[in-house]
C-alpha atoms as a PDB file:
ATOM      1  CA  MET A   1     -60.047   6.508  39.799  1.00  0.00           C
ATOM      2  CA  ASN A   2     -58.035   4.632  42.405  1.00  0.00           C
ATOM      3  CA  PRO A   3     -57.903   6.295  45.834  1.00  0.00           C
ATOM      4  CA  SER A   4     -54.560   7.922  46.667  1.00  0.00           C
ATOM      5  CA  SER A   5     -54.886   7.276  50.409  1.00  0.00           C
ATOM      6  CA  ILE A   6     -55.943   4.048  52.130  1.00  0.00           C
ATOM      7  CA  THR A   7     -56.084   3.305  55.854  1.00  0.00           C
ATOM      8  CA  GLU A   8     -56.126  -0.274  57.142  1.00  0.00           C
ATOM      9  CA  PRO A   9     -56.356  -1.275  60.840  1.00  0.00           C
ATOM     10  CA  LEU A  10     -53.673  -3.878  61.596  1.00  0.00           C
ATOM     11  CA  ASP A  11     -52.935  -5.736  64.816  1.00  0.00           C
ATOM     12  CA  ARG A  12     -49.332  -6.726  65.507  1.00  0.00           C
ATOM     13  CA  ALA A  13     -49.570 -10.096  63.766  1.00  0.00           C
ATOM     14  CA  ARG A  14     -51.088  -8.636  60.606  1.00  0.00           C
ATOM     15  CA  ALA A  15     -48.632  -5.735  60.663  1.00  0.00           C
ATOM     16  CA  ALA A  16     -45.727  -8.191  60.878  1.00  0.00           C
ATOM     17  CA  ALA A  17     -47.152 -10.122  57.943  1.00  0.00           C
ATOM     18  CA  VAL A  18     -47.519  -6.975  55.844  1.00  0.00           C
ATOM     19  CA  ARG A  19     -44.013  -5.797  56.731  1.00  0.00           C
ATOM     20  CA  SER A  20     -42.566  -9.199  55.779  1.00  0.00           C
ATOM     21  CA  ARG A  21     -44.432  -9.004  52.482  1.00  0.00           C
ATOM     22  CA  MET A  22     -43.012  -5.524  51.867  1.00  0.00           C
ATOM     23  CA  GLU A  23     -39.489  -6.769  52.499  1.00  0.00           C
ATOM     24  CA  ASP A  24     -40.014  -9.550  49.972  1.00  0.00           C
ATOM     25  CA  LEU A  25     -41.338  -7.061  47.413  1.00  0.00           C
ATOM     26  CA  GLY A  26     -38.401  -4.697  47.783  1.00  0.00           C
ATOM     27  CA  TRP A  27     -39.935  -1.789  49.703  1.00  0.00           C
ATOM     28  CA  THR A  28     -37.371   0.634  51.171  1.00  0.00           C
ATOM     29  CA  PHE A  29     -37.800   1.186  54.918  1.00  0.00           C
ATOM     30  CA  ASP A  30     -37.104   4.621  56.381  1.00  0.00           C
ATOM     31  CA  GLU A  31     -34.389   4.864  59.003  1.00  0.00           C
ATOM     32  CA  THR A  32     -36.413   7.524  60.835  1.00  0.00           C
ATOM     33  CA  PRO A  33     -40.196   7.053  60.648  1.00  0.00           C
ATOM     34  CA  PRO A  34     -42.578   9.985  61.254  1.00  0.00           C
ATOM     35  CA  ASP A  35     -43.749  10.950  64.739  1.00  0.00           C
ATOM     36  CA  TYR A  36     -46.077   8.391  66.362  1.00  0.00           C
ATOM     37  CA  ALA A  37     -45.135   5.774  63.763  1.00  0.00           C
ATOM     38  CA  ALA A  38     -43.621   2.351  64.458  1.00  0.00           C
ATOM     39  CA  TRP A  39     -42.160   2.148  60.956  1.00  0.00           C
ATOM     40  CA  SER A  40     -42.547   3.491  57.438  1.00  0.00           C
ATOM     41  CA  ALA A  41     -41.560   2.335  53.971  1.00  0.00           C
ATOM     42  CA  ARG A  42     -41.853   3.449  50.373  1.00  0.00           C
ATOM     43  CA  LEU A  43     -41.898   2.553  46.699  1.00  0.00           C
ATOM     44  CA  PRO A  44     -41.440   5.154  43.943  1.00  0.00           C
ATOM     45  CA  SER A  45     -45.179   5.885  43.750  1.00  0.00           C
ATOM     46  CA  VAL A  46     -46.514   4.993  47.217  1.00  0.00           C
ATOM     47  CA  ARG A  47     -45.544   5.463  50.857  1.00  0.00           C
ATOM     48  CA  ALA A  48     -46.659   3.361  53.827  1.00  0.00           C
ATOM     49  CA  VAL A  49     -46.701   4.465  57.478  1.00  0.00           C
ATOM     50  CA  TYR A  50     -47.633   2.078  60.291  1.00  0.00           C
ATOM     51  CA  TYR A  51     -48.662   4.064  63.341  1.00  0.00           C
ATOM     52  CA  ALA A  52     -48.343   2.970  66.971  1.00  0.00           C
ATOM     53  CA  SER A  53     -52.130   3.235  67.155  1.00  0.00           C
ATOM     54  CA  GLY A  54     -52.380   0.162  64.910  1.00  0.00           C
ATOM     55  CA  LYS A  55     -53.222   1.742  61.555  1.00  0.00           C
ATOM     56  CA  LEU A  56     -51.337   1.402  58.276  1.00  0.00           C
ATOM     57  CA  VAL A  57     -51.729   4.365  55.930  1.00  0.00           C
ATOM     58  CA  LEU A  58     -50.839   4.017  52.247  1.00  0.00           C
ATOM     59  CA  GLN A  59     -50.490   7.237  50.241  1.00  0.00           C
ATOM     60  CA  GLY A  60     -49.616   7.837  46.614  1.00  0.00           C
ATOM     61  CA  LYS A  61     -50.982   7.291  43.139  1.00  0.00           C
ATOM     62  CA  ASP A  62     -50.511   3.502  43.417  1.00  0.00           C
ATOM     63  CA  ALA A  63     -51.927   3.184  46.953  1.00  0.00           C
ATOM     64  CA  SER A  64     -54.841   1.049  45.770  1.00  0.00           C
ATOM     65  CA  LEU A  65     -52.610  -1.362  43.856  1.00  0.00           C
ATOM     66  CA  ALA A  66     -50.241  -1.620  46.807  1.00  0.00           C
ATOM     67  CA  ALA A  67     -53.116  -2.365  49.191  1.00  0.00           C
ATOM     68  CA  GLU A  68     -54.430  -5.129  46.952  1.00  0.00           C
ATOM     69  CA  GLU A  69     -50.990  -6.739  46.804  1.00  0.00           C
ATOM     70  CA  LEU A  70     -50.157  -6.357  50.493  1.00  0.00           C
ATOM     71  CA  PHE A  71     -53.453  -7.309  52.114  1.00  0.00           C
ATOM     72  CA  GLU A  72     -54.320 -10.312  49.933  1.00  0.00           C
ATOM     73  CA  GLY A  73     -54.083 -13.346  52.176  1.00  0.00           C
ATOM     74  CA  VAL A  74     -53.153 -11.362  55.296  1.00  0.00           C
ATOM     75  CA  PRO A  75     -53.838 -13.717  58.156  1.00  0.00           C
ATOM     76  CA  ARG A  76     -56.649 -14.853  60.304  1.00  0.00           C
ATOM     77  CA  ALA A  77     -55.660 -17.328  63.001  1.00  0.00           C
ATOM     78  CA  ALA A  78     -56.729 -20.913  62.609  1.00  0.00           C
ATOM     79  CA  GLY A  79     -59.290 -22.152  65.066  1.00  0.00           C
ATOM     80  CA  ARG A  80     -60.803 -18.724  65.756  1.00  0.00           C
ATOM     81  CA  GLY A  81     -64.425 -18.635  64.714  1.00  0.00           C
ATOM     82  CA  LEU A  82     -64.156 -21.539  62.280  1.00  0.00           C
ATOM     83  CA  ALA A  83     -64.898 -25.090  63.371  1.00  0.00           C
ATOM     84  CA  LEU A  84     -64.769 -27.986  60.944  1.00  0.00           C
ATOM     85  CA  LYS A  85     -67.969 -29.934  60.449  1.00  0.00           C
ATOM     86  CA  VAL A  86     -66.412 -32.781  58.473  1.00  0.00           C
ATOM     87  CA  PRO A  87     -62.918 -34.259  57.944  1.00  0.00           C
ATOM     88  CA  THR A  88     -61.106 -31.844  55.646  1.00  0.00           C
ATOM     89  CA  VAL A  89     -58.019 -31.710  53.448  1.00  0.00           C
ATOM     90  CA  GLY A  90     -56.549 -28.244  52.920  1.00  0.00           C
ATOM     91  CA  SER A  91     -53.789 -27.208  50.537  1.00  0.00           C
ATOM     92  CA  ASP A  92     -51.662 -24.105  50.102  1.00  0.00           C
ATOM     93  CA  GLU A  93     -48.489 -23.088  48.276  1.00  0.00           C
ATOM     94  CA  THR A  94     -45.355 -21.079  48.976  1.00  0.00           C
ATOM     95  CA  GLY A  95     -42.603 -19.833  46.699  1.00  0.00           C
ATOM     96  CA  LYS A  96     -44.578 -18.744  43.648  1.00  0.00           C
ATOM     97  CA  GLY A  97     -43.538 -15.127  44.248  1.00  0.00           C
ATOM     98  CA  ASP A  98     -39.913 -15.950  45.081  1.00  0.00           C
ATOM     99  CA  PHE A  99     -37.332 -15.652  42.322  1.00  0.00           C
ATOM    100  CA  LEU A 100     -34.966 -18.049  44.070  1.00  0.00           C
ATOM    101  CA  GLY A 101     -35.782 -21.399  45.625  1.00  0.00           C
ATOM    102  CA  PRO A 102     -38.437 -24.041  45.008  1.00  0.00           C
ATOM    103  CA  LEU A 103     -42.159 -23.894  44.555  1.00  0.00           C
ATOM    104  CA  VAL A 104     -43.789 -25.836  47.381  1.00  0.00           C
ATOM    105  CA  VAL A 105     -47.361 -27.082  47.732  1.00  0.00           C
ATOM    106  CA  ALA A 106     -48.510 -28.828  50.899  1.00  0.00           C
ATOM    107  CA  ALA A 107     -51.743 -30.521  51.911  1.00  0.00           C
ATOM    108  CA  ALA A 108     -52.916 -31.534  55.382  1.00  0.00           C
ATOM    109  CA  PHE A 109     -55.822 -33.571  56.760  1.00  0.00           C
ATOM    110  CA  VAL A 110     -57.715 -32.328  59.815  1.00  0.00           C
ATOM    111  CA  ARG A 111     -60.589 -33.979  61.661  1.00  0.00           C
ATOM    112  CA  PRO A 112     -63.277 -32.000  63.523  1.00  0.00           C
ATOM    113  CA  GLY A 113     -62.087 -31.474  67.086  1.00  0.00           C
ATOM    114  CA  GLN A 114     -58.428 -30.913  66.183  1.00  0.00           C
ATOM    115  CA  GLU A 115     -58.859 -27.170  65.681  1.00  0.00           C
ATOM    116  CA  ALA A 116     -58.129 -26.345  69.327  1.00  0.00           C
ATOM    117  CA  LEU A 117     -54.870 -28.307  69.269  1.00  0.00           C
ATOM    118  CA  LEU A 118     -53.730 -26.529  66.116  1.00  0.00           C
ATOM    119  CA  ALA A 119     -54.637 -23.184  67.661  1.00  0.00           C
ATOM    120  CA  GLU A 120     -52.582 -24.167  70.716  1.00  0.00           C
ATOM    121  CA  TYR A 121     -49.637 -24.838  68.399  1.00  0.00           C
ATOM    122  CA  GLY A 122     -50.184 -21.335  67.005  1.00  0.00           C
ATOM    123  CA  VAL A 123     -51.023 -22.626  63.525  1.00  0.00           C
ATOM    124  CA  ARG A 124     -52.200 -19.822  61.257  1.00  0.00           C
ATOM    125  CA  ASP A 125     -51.451 -18.314  57.870  1.00  0.00           C
ATOM    126  CA  SER A 126     -47.682 -18.632  57.451  1.00  0.00           C
ATOM    127  CA  LYS A 127     -47.456 -15.039  56.195  1.00  0.00           C
ATOM    128  CA  SER A 128     -47.931 -13.930  59.809  1.00  0.00           C
ATOM    129  CA  VAL A 129     -45.239 -16.252  61.177  1.00  0.00           C
ATOM    130  CA  GLY A 130     -41.494 -15.716  61.431  1.00  0.00           C
ATOM    131  CA  ASP A 131     -39.122 -18.202  59.804  1.00  0.00           C
ATOM    132  CA  ARG A 132     -37.965 -19.891  63.015  1.00  0.00           C
ATOM    133  CA  GLU A 133     -41.503 -20.097  64.328  1.00  0.00           C
ATOM    134  CA  ALA A 134     -42.743 -21.637  61.076  1.00  0.00           C
ATOM    135  CA  ILE A 135     -40.019 -24.307  61.163  1.00  0.00           C
ATOM    136  CA  ALA A 136     -40.783 -25.207  64.788  1.00  0.00           C
ATOM    137  CA  MET A 137     -44.527 -25.178  64.173  1.00  0.00           C
ATOM    138  CA  ALA A 138     -44.175 -27.419  61.120  1.00  0.00           C
ATOM    139  CA  GLU A 139     -42.463 -30.071  63.240  1.00  0.00           C
ATOM    140  CA  LEU A 140     -45.555 -30.237  65.462  1.00  0.00           C
ATOM    141  CA  VAL A 141     -47.910 -30.335  62.481  1.00  0.00           C
ATOM    142  CA  ARG A 142     -45.942 -33.146  60.824  1.00  0.00           C
ATOM    143  CA  VAL A 143     -46.286 -35.446  63.833  1.00  0.00           C
ATOM    144  CA  THR A 144     -49.954 -34.556  64.347  1.00  0.00           C
ATOM    145  CA  LEU A 145     -51.583 -34.590  60.905  1.00  0.00           C
ATOM    146  CA  PRO A 146     -51.503 -36.784  57.804  1.00  0.00           C
ATOM    147  CA  HIS A 147     -49.904 -34.558  55.203  1.00  0.00           C
ATOM    148  CA  ALA A 148     -48.001 -34.356  51.943  1.00  0.00           C
ATOM    149  CA  VAL A 149     -45.458 -31.842  50.668  1.00  0.00           C
ATOM    150  CA  VAL A 150     -44.583 -31.402  46.989  1.00  0.00           C
ATOM    151  CA  VAL A 151     -41.262 -29.587  46.481  1.00  0.00           C
ATOM    152  CA  ILE A 152     -40.469 -28.510  42.914  1.00  0.00           C
ATOM    153  CA  ASP A 153     -36.855 -27.373  42.659  1.00  0.00           C
ATOM    154  CA  PRO A 154     -36.021 -24.771  39.984  1.00  0.00           C
ATOM    155  CA  PRO A 155     -34.656 -27.171  37.300  1.00  0.00           C
ATOM    156  CA  ARG A 156     -37.912 -29.172  37.354  1.00  0.00           C
ATOM    157  CA  TYR A 157     -39.979 -26.014  37.841  1.00  0.00           C
ATOM    158  CA  ASN A 158     -38.427 -24.360  34.777  1.00  0.00           C
ATOM    159  CA  GLU A 159     -39.009 -27.521  32.749  1.00  0.00           C
ATOM    160  CA  LEU A 160     -42.661 -27.820  33.814  1.00  0.00           C
ATOM    161  CA  HIS A 161     -43.251 -24.113  33.253  1.00  0.00           C
ATOM    162  CA  ARG A 162     -42.128 -24.502  29.624  1.00  0.00           C
ATOM    163  CA  GLU A 163     -44.068 -27.740  29.109  1.00  0.00           C
ATOM    164  CA  MET A 164     -47.250 -26.099  30.402  1.00  0.00           C
ATOM    165  CA  GLY A 165     -47.017 -23.179  28.022  1.00  0.00           C
ATOM    166  CA  SER A 166     -45.610 -20.759  30.605  1.00  0.00           C
ATOM    167  CA  ASN A 167     -48.906 -21.053  32.495  1.00  0.00           C
ATOM    168  CA  LEU A 168     -48.073 -20.843  36.202  1.00  0.00           C
ATOM    169  CA  ASN A 169     -51.658 -21.589  37.236  1.00  0.00           C
ATOM    170  CA  ARG A 170     -51.583 -24.911  35.382  1.00  0.00           C
ATOM    171  CA  LEU A 171     -48.375 -25.802  37.200  1.00  0.00           C
ATOM    172  CA  LEU A 172     -49.893 -24.815  40.539  1.00  0.00           C
ATOM    173  CA  ALA A 173     -53.031 -26.858  39.855  1.00  0.00           C
ATOM    174  CA  TRP A 174     -50.905 -29.908  39.022  1.00  0.00           C
ATOM    175  CA  ALA A 175     -48.920 -29.514  42.257  1.00  0.00           C
ATOM    176  CA  HIS A 176     -52.034 -28.960  44.401  1.00  0.00           C
ATOM    177  CA  GLY A 177     -53.638 -32.015  42.839  1.00  0.00           C
ATOM    178  CA  LYS A 178     -50.546 -34.122  43.526  1.00  0.00           C
ATOM    179  CA  ALA A 179     -50.334 -33.046  47.188  1.00  0.00           C
ATOM    180  CA  ILE A 180     -54.060 -33.616  47.783  1.00  0.00           C
ATOM    181  CA  GLU A 181     -53.931 -37.046  46.132  1.00  0.00           C
ATOM    182  CA  GLU A 182     -50.970 -38.068  48.296  1.00  0.00           C
ATOM    183  CA  VAL A 183     -52.842 -37.132  51.462  1.00  0.00           C
ATOM    184  CA  LEU A 184     -56.041 -38.880  50.408  1.00  0.00           C
ATOM    185  CA  ALA A 185     -54.039 -42.036  49.678  1.00  0.00           C
ATOM    186  CA  LYS A 186     -52.993 -42.282  53.329  1.00  0.00           C
ATOM    187  CA  LYS A 187     -55.136 -44.633  55.400  1.00  0.00           C
ATOM    188  CA  GLU A 188     -55.144 -42.075  58.238  1.00  0.00           C
ATOM    189  CA  ALA A 189     -57.038 -39.692  55.959  1.00  0.00           C
ATOM    190  CA  ALA A 190     -59.918 -42.073  55.385  1.00  0.00           C
ATOM    191  CA  GLY A 191     -63.267 -40.349  55.608  1.00  0.00           C
ATOM    192  CA  ALA A 192     -62.209 -37.033  54.089  1.00  0.00           C
ATOM    193  CA  VAL A 193     -65.233 -35.153  52.780  1.00  0.00           C
ATOM    194  CA  ASP A 194     -64.151 -31.579  52.061  1.00  0.00           C
ATOM    195  CA  VAL A 195     -61.124 -30.287  50.174  1.00  0.00           C
ATOM    196  CA  VAL A 196     -60.331 -26.598  50.616  1.00  0.00           C
ATOM    197  CA  VAL A 197     -57.737 -24.898  48.418  1.00  0.00           C
ATOM    198  CA  ASP A 198     -56.389 -21.398  48.850  1.00  0.00           C
ATOM    199  CA  GLN A 199     -57.513 -19.976  45.519  1.00  0.00           C
ATOM    200  CA  PHE A 200     -54.798 -18.946  43.077  1.00  0.00           C
ATOM    201  CA  ALA A 201     -56.976 -18.864  39.926  1.00  0.00           C
ATOM    202  CA  LYS A 202     -60.564 -19.163  38.817  1.00  0.00           C
ATOM    203  CA  GLY A 203     -61.815 -21.999  36.649  1.00  0.00           C
ATOM    204  CA  PRO A 204     -61.619 -25.791  36.595  1.00  0.00           C
ATOM    205  CA  LEU A 205     -57.834 -26.231  36.807  1.00  0.00           C
ATOM    206  CA  VAL A 206     -57.770 -27.963  40.197  1.00  0.00           C
ATOM    207  CA  PRO A 207     -60.811 -30.201  39.525  1.00  0.00           C
ATOM    208  CA  ARG A 208     -59.151 -31.290  36.284  1.00  0.00           C
ATOM    209  CA  ALA A 209     -55.908 -32.007  38.123  1.00  0.00           C
ATOM    210  CA  LEU A 210     -57.782 -34.150  40.667  1.00  0.00           C
ATOM    211  CA  GLY A 211     -59.736 -36.057  38.015  1.00  0.00           C
ATOM    212  CA  PRO A 212     -62.270 -38.551  39.432  1.00  0.00           C
ATOM    213  CA  LEU A 213     -61.352 -37.570  42.990  1.00  0.00           C
ATOM    214  CA  ALA A 214     -62.952 -34.163  42.428  1.00  0.00           C
ATOM    215  CA  ARG A 215     -66.341 -35.802  41.880  1.00  0.00           C
ATOM    216  CA  ALA A 216     -66.117 -37.812  45.092  1.00  0.00           C
ATOM    217  CA  LEU A 217     -65.391 -34.821  47.345  1.00  0.00           C
ATOM    218  CA  ARG A 218     -66.698 -31.340  48.029  1.00  0.00           C
ATOM    219  CA  LEU A 219     -64.050 -29.027  46.592  1.00  0.00           C
ATOM    220  CA  GLU A 220     -63.950 -25.399  47.713  1.00  0.00           C
ATOM    221  CA  MET A 221     -61.527 -22.853  46.284  1.00  0.00           C
ATOM    222  CA  ARG A 222     -61.488 -19.392  47.825  1.00  0.00           C
ATOM    223  CA  THR A 223     -59.187 -16.542  48.716  1.00  0.00           C
ATOM    224  CA  ARG A 224     -57.966 -16.133  52.297  1.00  0.00           C
ATOM    225  CA  ALA A 225     -58.719 -19.791  52.917  1.00  0.00           C
ATOM    226  CA  GLU A 226     -56.077 -19.909  55.653  1.00  0.00           C
ATOM    227  CA  ASP A 227     -58.862 -19.286  58.167  1.00  0.00           C
ATOM    228  CA  ASN A 228     -59.616 -22.978  57.617  1.00  0.00           C
ATOM    229  CA  PRO A 229     -57.419 -25.006  60.027  1.00  0.00           C
ATOM    230  CA  ALA A 230     -56.467 -27.546  57.337  1.00  0.00           C
ATOM    231  CA  VAL A 231     -55.326 -24.829  54.932  1.00  0.00           C
ATOM    232  CA  ALA A 232     -53.475 -23.015  57.715  1.00  0.00           C
ATOM    233  CA  ALA A 233     -51.632 -26.226  58.602  1.00  0.00           C
ATOM    234  CA  ALA A 234     -50.750 -26.750  54.932  1.00  0.00           C
ATOM    235  CA  SER A 235     -49.516 -23.165  54.769  1.00  0.00           C
ATOM    236  CA  ILE A 236     -47.113 -23.767  57.660  1.00  0.00           C
ATOM    237  CA  LEU A 237     -45.835 -27.025  56.151  1.00  0.00           C
ATOM    238  CA  ALA A 238     -45.257 -25.371  52.779  1.00  0.00           C
ATOM    239  CA  ARG A 239     -43.438 -22.407  54.318  1.00  0.00           C
ATOM    240  CA  ALA A 240     -41.076 -24.607  56.347  1.00  0.00           C
ATOM    241  CA  ALA A 241     -40.333 -26.790  53.313  1.00  0.00           C
ATOM    242  CA  PHE A 242     -39.637 -23.713  51.184  1.00  0.00           C
ATOM    243  CA  LEU A 243     -37.179 -22.348  53.750  1.00  0.00           C
ATOM    244  CA  ALA A 244     -35.441 -25.718  53.954  1.00  0.00           C
ATOM    245  CA  GLY A 245     -35.302 -25.928  50.164  1.00  0.00           C
ATOM    246  CA  LEU A 246     -33.909 -22.419  49.801  1.00  0.00           C
ATOM    247  CA  LYS A 247     -31.118 -23.207  52.274  1.00  0.00           C
ATOM    248  CA  ARG A 248     -30.406 -26.594  50.677  1.00  0.00           C
ATOM    249  CA  LEU A 249     -30.082 -25.069  47.210  1.00  0.00           C
ATOM    250  CA  GLY A 250     -27.884 -22.248  48.474  1.00  0.00           C
ATOM    251  CA  ASP A 251     -25.626 -24.595  50.412  1.00  0.00           C
ATOM    252  CA  GLY A 252     -25.290 -26.742  47.300  1.00  0.00           C
ATOM    253  CA  ILE A 253     -23.686 -23.929  45.305  1.00  0.00           C
ATOM    254  CA  GLY A 254     -22.050 -22.022  48.158  1.00  0.00           C
ATOM    255  CA  VAL A 255     -24.231 -18.892  47.934  1.00  0.00           C
ATOM    256  CA  ASP A 256     -26.719 -17.592  50.498  1.00  0.00           C
ATOM    257  CA  LEU A 257     -30.040 -17.242  48.685  1.00  0.00           C
ATOM    258  CA  ALA A 258     -32.650 -14.624  49.553  1.00  0.00           C
ATOM    259  CA  LYS A 259     -36.431 -14.805  49.709  1.00  0.00           C
ATOM    260  CA  GLY A 260     -38.780 -12.727  47.586  1.00  0.00           C
ATOM    261  CA  ALA A 261     -38.190 -10.988  44.274  1.00  0.00           C
ATOM    262  CA  GLY A 262     -36.713  -7.709  45.483  1.00  0.00           C
ATOM    263  CA  PRO A 263     -33.173  -6.303  45.645  1.00  0.00           C
ATOM    264  CA  PRO A 264     -31.839  -8.953  48.106  1.00  0.00           C
ATOM    265  CA  ALA A 265     -32.836 -11.708  45.653  1.00  0.00           C
ATOM    266  CA  ASP A 266     -31.233  -9.814  42.775  1.00  0.00           C
ATOM    267  CA  GLN A 267     -28.021  -9.385  44.737  1.00  0.00           C
ATOM    268  CA  ALA A 268     -27.902 -13.104  45.537  1.00  0.00           C
ATOM    269  CA  ALA A 269     -28.596 -13.954  41.883  1.00  0.00           C
ATOM    270  CA  ARG A 270     -25.693 -11.781  40.745  1.00  0.00           C
ATOM    271  CA  ARG A 271     -23.409 -13.673  43.116  1.00  0.00           C
ATOM    272  CA  VAL A 272     -24.645 -16.936  41.589  1.00  0.00           C
ATOM    273  CA  LEU A 273     -23.990 -15.616  38.077  1.00  0.00           C
ATOM    274  CA  ALA A 274     -20.495 -14.528  39.030  1.00  0.00           C
ATOM    275  CA  ARG A 275     -19.806 -18.005  40.367  1.00  0.00           C
ATOM    276  CA  GLY A 276     -21.224 -20.107  37.549  1.00  0.00           C
ATOM    277  CA  GLY A 277     -23.123 -18.118  34.952  1.00  0.00           C
ATOM    278  CA  PRO A 278     -26.726 -18.618  33.751  1.00  0.00           C
ATOM    279  CA  ALA A 279     -26.525 -22.406  33.951  1.00  0.00           C
ATOM    280  CA  LEU A 280     -25.813 -22.257  37.671  1.00  0.00           C
ATOM    281  CA  LEU A 281     -28.530 -19.656  38.196  1.00  0.00           C
ATOM    282  CA  ALA A 282     -31.059 -21.951  36.525  1.00  0.00           C
ATOM    283  CA  ARG A 283     -30.336 -24.521  39.237  1.00  0.00           C
ATOM    284  CA  VAL A 284     -31.661 -22.196  41.929  1.00  0.00           C
ATOM    285  CA  ALA A 285     -33.914 -19.652  40.163  1.00  0.00           C
ATOM    286  CA  LYS A 286     -37.281 -19.506  38.409  1.00  0.00           C
ATOM    287  CA  MET A 287     -35.973 -18.246  35.095  1.00  0.00           C
ATOM    288  CA  HIS A 288     -39.216 -16.759  33.728  1.00  0.00           C
ATOM    289  CA  PHE A 289     -39.114 -14.049  36.424  1.00  0.00           C
ATOM    290  CA  LYS A 290     -38.147 -10.592  35.131  1.00  0.00           C
ATOM    291  CA  ASN A 291     -35.377 -10.685  37.721  1.00  0.00           C
ATOM    292  CA  ALA A 292     -33.425 -13.054  35.473  1.00  0.00           C
ATOM    293  CA  GLN A 293     -33.190 -10.433  32.727  1.00  0.00           C
ATOM    294  CA  LYS A 294     -32.582  -7.673  35.259  1.00  0.00           C
ATOM    295  CA  VAL A 295     -29.457  -9.391  36.621  1.00  0.00           C
ATOM    296  CA  GLY A 296     -28.158 -10.211  33.140  1.00  0.00           C
ATOM    297  CA  ALA A 297     -28.893 -13.957  32.877  1.00  0.00           C
END
């Protein structure tokens, strides 16, 4: 039986990342948190309280499920305790859990010895970084590292999702493979030995997407891979590109689009529908999300 109460120590950075994740997932934040708490939030079957002492307590019948969703990928800073031994390409994605906006996959190439510079920039898992900070940080990463960014806007995303049998992991593997190939094709990335991918699925999907390249490199896929400086850099690049894409798509139709798949995204989608119906929504939304049915598309 799943535990009904879970306590997780969180420093400020991790707490900010978890809170941002909650906002994206539609948690309702209490106007008046309990005594000694910095903030609190709830879903119908679970409540979260973050105490000033640095502990997050989840209580309710779905506490275990909520913990799994909230803490997956919660950050470790790049350059702390992990030094690269060989030139490495890392890749990460952003936008797969967002109803509106593009899916973005980025890859970055890092040589041993560059970890300290990236740490100085503040490069870490983008889930622990605010929007403005991610955009500013990405500018530094772009001028420092060979990189590639694959942006899949909703019309192309919806098309690929159908072509690939509604298999999101196949689509992700294709995009990761494309970003990694683009980086490896750059002369500045000569000598790459390791490829590290933040794992989104088990199995041979990414090796298949890379084809012969997978046999020439050491490919590692694992969860919480953002502790690798190359993956952390890719995470920042992907986040900044997603934010830019979300704004670009919203500006193009005259509607402010929201991140995540919670109530703010639904409200924005309804405004899109009122302006131009389902066809307009399909220009800015991933139409296989349940949100599309929820808002009446």
